[in-house]
C-alpha atoms as a PDB file:
ATOM      1  CA  MET A   1      87.036  96.630  81.705  1.00  0.00           C
ATOM      2  CA  PHE A   2      89.593  95.114  78.953  1.00  0.00           C
ATOM      3  CA  THR A   3      93.122  94.253  79.836  1.00  0.00           C
ATOM      4  CA  SER A   4      95.936  94.236  77.391  1.00  0.00           C
ATOM      5  CA  LYS A   5      97.322  90.918  76.181  1.00  0.00           C
ATOM      6  CA  GLY A   6     100.330  91.179  78.029  1.00  0.00           C
ATOM      7  CA  ALA A   7      98.656  91.861  81.387  1.00  0.00           C
ATOM      8  CA  LEU A   8      96.451  88.949  80.969  1.00  0.00           C
ATOM      9  CA  VAL A   9      99.543  86.841  80.150  1.00  0.00           C
ATOM     10  CA  GLU A  10     101.124  87.719  82.724  1.00  0.00           C
ATOM     11  CA  LYS A  11      98.033  86.923  85.289  1.00  0.00           C
ATOM     12  CA  ILE A  12      97.851  83.453  84.038  1.00  0.00           C
ATOM     13  CA  GLN A  13     101.956  82.874  84.778  1.00  0.00           C
ATOM     14  CA  ILE A  14     101.221  84.070  87.753  1.00  0.00           C
ATOM     15  CA  GLN A  15      98.903  81.909  88.809  1.00  0.00           C
ATOM     16  CA  LEU A  16      99.999  79.171  87.246  1.00  0.00           C
ATOM     17  CA  SER A  17     103.317  79.421  89.356  1.00  0.00           C
ATOM     18  CA  HIS A  18     101.054  79.894  92.168  1.00  0.00           C
ATOM     19  CA  LEU A  19      99.503  76.325  91.473  1.00  0.00           C
ATOM     20  CA  VAL A  20     102.877  74.711  90.565  1.00  0.00           C
ATOM     21  CA  VAL A  21     104.167  75.639  94.243  1.00  0.00           C
ATOM     22  CA  TYR A  22     100.933  74.275  95.872  1.00  0.00           C
ATOM     23  CA  VAL A  23     100.757  70.885  94.358  1.00  0.00           C
ATOM     24  CA  ALA A  24     104.674  70.736  94.810  1.00  0.00           C
ATOM     25  CA  SER A  25     103.963  71.543  98.828  1.00  0.00           C
ATOM     26  CA  ARG A  26     101.237  69.144  98.971  1.00  0.00           C
ATOM     27  CA  ASN A  27     103.133  66.216  97.342  1.00  0.00           C
ATOM     28  CA  ALA A  28     106.158  67.078  99.848  1.00  0.00           C
ATOM     29  CA  ILE A  29     103.737  65.711 102.479  1.00  0.00           C
ATOM     30  CA  SER A  30     102.149  62.935 100.815  1.00  0.00           C
ATOM     31  CA  PHE A  31      98.890  64.898  99.889  1.00  0.00           C
ATOM     32  CA  THR A  32      98.498  64.063  96.256  1.00  0.00           C
ATOM     33  CA  ASP A  33      94.919  65.414  96.580  1.00  0.00           C
ATOM     34  CA  ALA A  34      95.792  68.771  94.201  1.00  0.00           C
ATOM     35  CA  SER A  35      98.131  66.786  92.184  1.00  0.00           C
ATOM     36  CA  LYS A  36      95.197  64.522  91.172  1.00  0.00           C
ATOM     37  CA  GLU A  37      92.897  67.843  90.226  1.00  0.00           C
ATOM     38  CA  SER A  38      95.537  69.515  88.471  1.00  0.00           C
ATOM     39  CA  GLU A  39      95.736  66.785  86.124  1.00  0.00           C
ATOM     40  CA  ASP A  40      92.173  67.512  85.085  1.00  0.00           C
ATOM     41  CA  PHE A  41      92.877  71.021  85.053  1.00  0.00           C
ATOM     42  CA  PHE A  42      95.919  71.115  82.962  1.00  0.00           C
ATOM     43  CA  CYS A  43      94.078  68.727  80.421  1.00  0.00           C
ATOM     44  CA  GLY A  44      91.481  70.752  79.667  1.00  0.00           C
ATOM     45  CA  PHE A  45      93.532  73.806  79.520  1.00  0.00           C
ATOM     46  CA  LEU A  46      95.844  72.359  77.196  1.00  0.00           C
ATOM     47  CA  ASN A  47      93.354  71.221  75.088  1.00  0.00           C
ATOM     48  CA  LEU A  48      91.601  74.922  74.759  1.00  0.00           C
ATOM     49  CA  LEU A  49      94.935  76.521  74.751  1.00  0.00           C
ATOM     50  CA  LEU A  50      96.915  74.020  72.001  1.00  0.00           C
ATOM     51  CA  GLY A  51      93.445  72.722  70.297  1.00  0.00           C
ATOM     52  CA  THR A  52      94.442  68.913  71.155  1.00  0.00           C
ATOM     53  CA  LYS A  53      92.247  66.096  72.295  1.00  0.00           C
ATOM     54  CA  LEU A  54      94.385  65.025  75.607  1.00  0.00           C
ATOM     55  CA  VAL A  55      92.235  63.126  78.288  1.00  0.00           C
ATOM     56  CA  ASN A  56      93.374  62.044  81.804  1.00  0.00           C
ATOM     57  CA  ALA A  57      95.883  58.634  81.511  1.00  0.00           C
ATOM     58  CA  ASN A  58      94.221  57.878  84.571  1.00  0.00           C
ATOM     59  CA  LEU A  59      91.054  57.096  83.601  1.00  0.00           C
ATOM     60  CA  PHE A  60      92.444  54.150  81.351  1.00  0.00           C
ATOM     61  CA  GLU A  61      94.886  52.816  84.306  1.00  0.00           C
ATOM     62  CA  GLU A  62      95.294  54.136  87.851  1.00  0.00           C
ATOM     63  CA  ASN A  63      98.813  55.716  88.393  1.00  0.00           C
ATOM     64  CA  THR A  64     100.416  55.006  84.673  1.00  0.00           C
ATOM     65  CA  ALA A  65     103.924  55.104  84.739  1.00  0.00           C
ATOM     66  CA  THR A  66     104.234  57.580  82.481  1.00  0.00           C
ATOM     67  CA  ILE A  67     102.583  61.166  81.863  1.00  0.00           C
ATOM     68  CA  ASP A  68      98.962  61.492  83.049  1.00  0.00           C
ATOM     69  CA  LEU A  69      97.751  62.757  79.902  1.00  0.00           C
ATOM     70  CA  SER A  70      96.963  61.369  76.741  1.00  0.00           C
ATOM     71  CA  ASP A  71      96.223  62.421  73.248  1.00  0.00           C
ATOM     72  CA  VAL A  72      93.261  60.819  71.732  1.00  0.00           C
END
């Protein structure tokens, strides 16, 4: 079954929105597991989407004071 580009983009937007709400609600009660997992997800997602070479900065220094993705 083929899906139109617009429908696919909308599906991605909806799922990413759900992820944002889920991570924010977990962080609000001090459960940061979803936050840590999403760093790796977004790193791979952005690399695929934008052709970048981002890495999770926490690999070099835990809980960096800046954005947790670095371009290598």
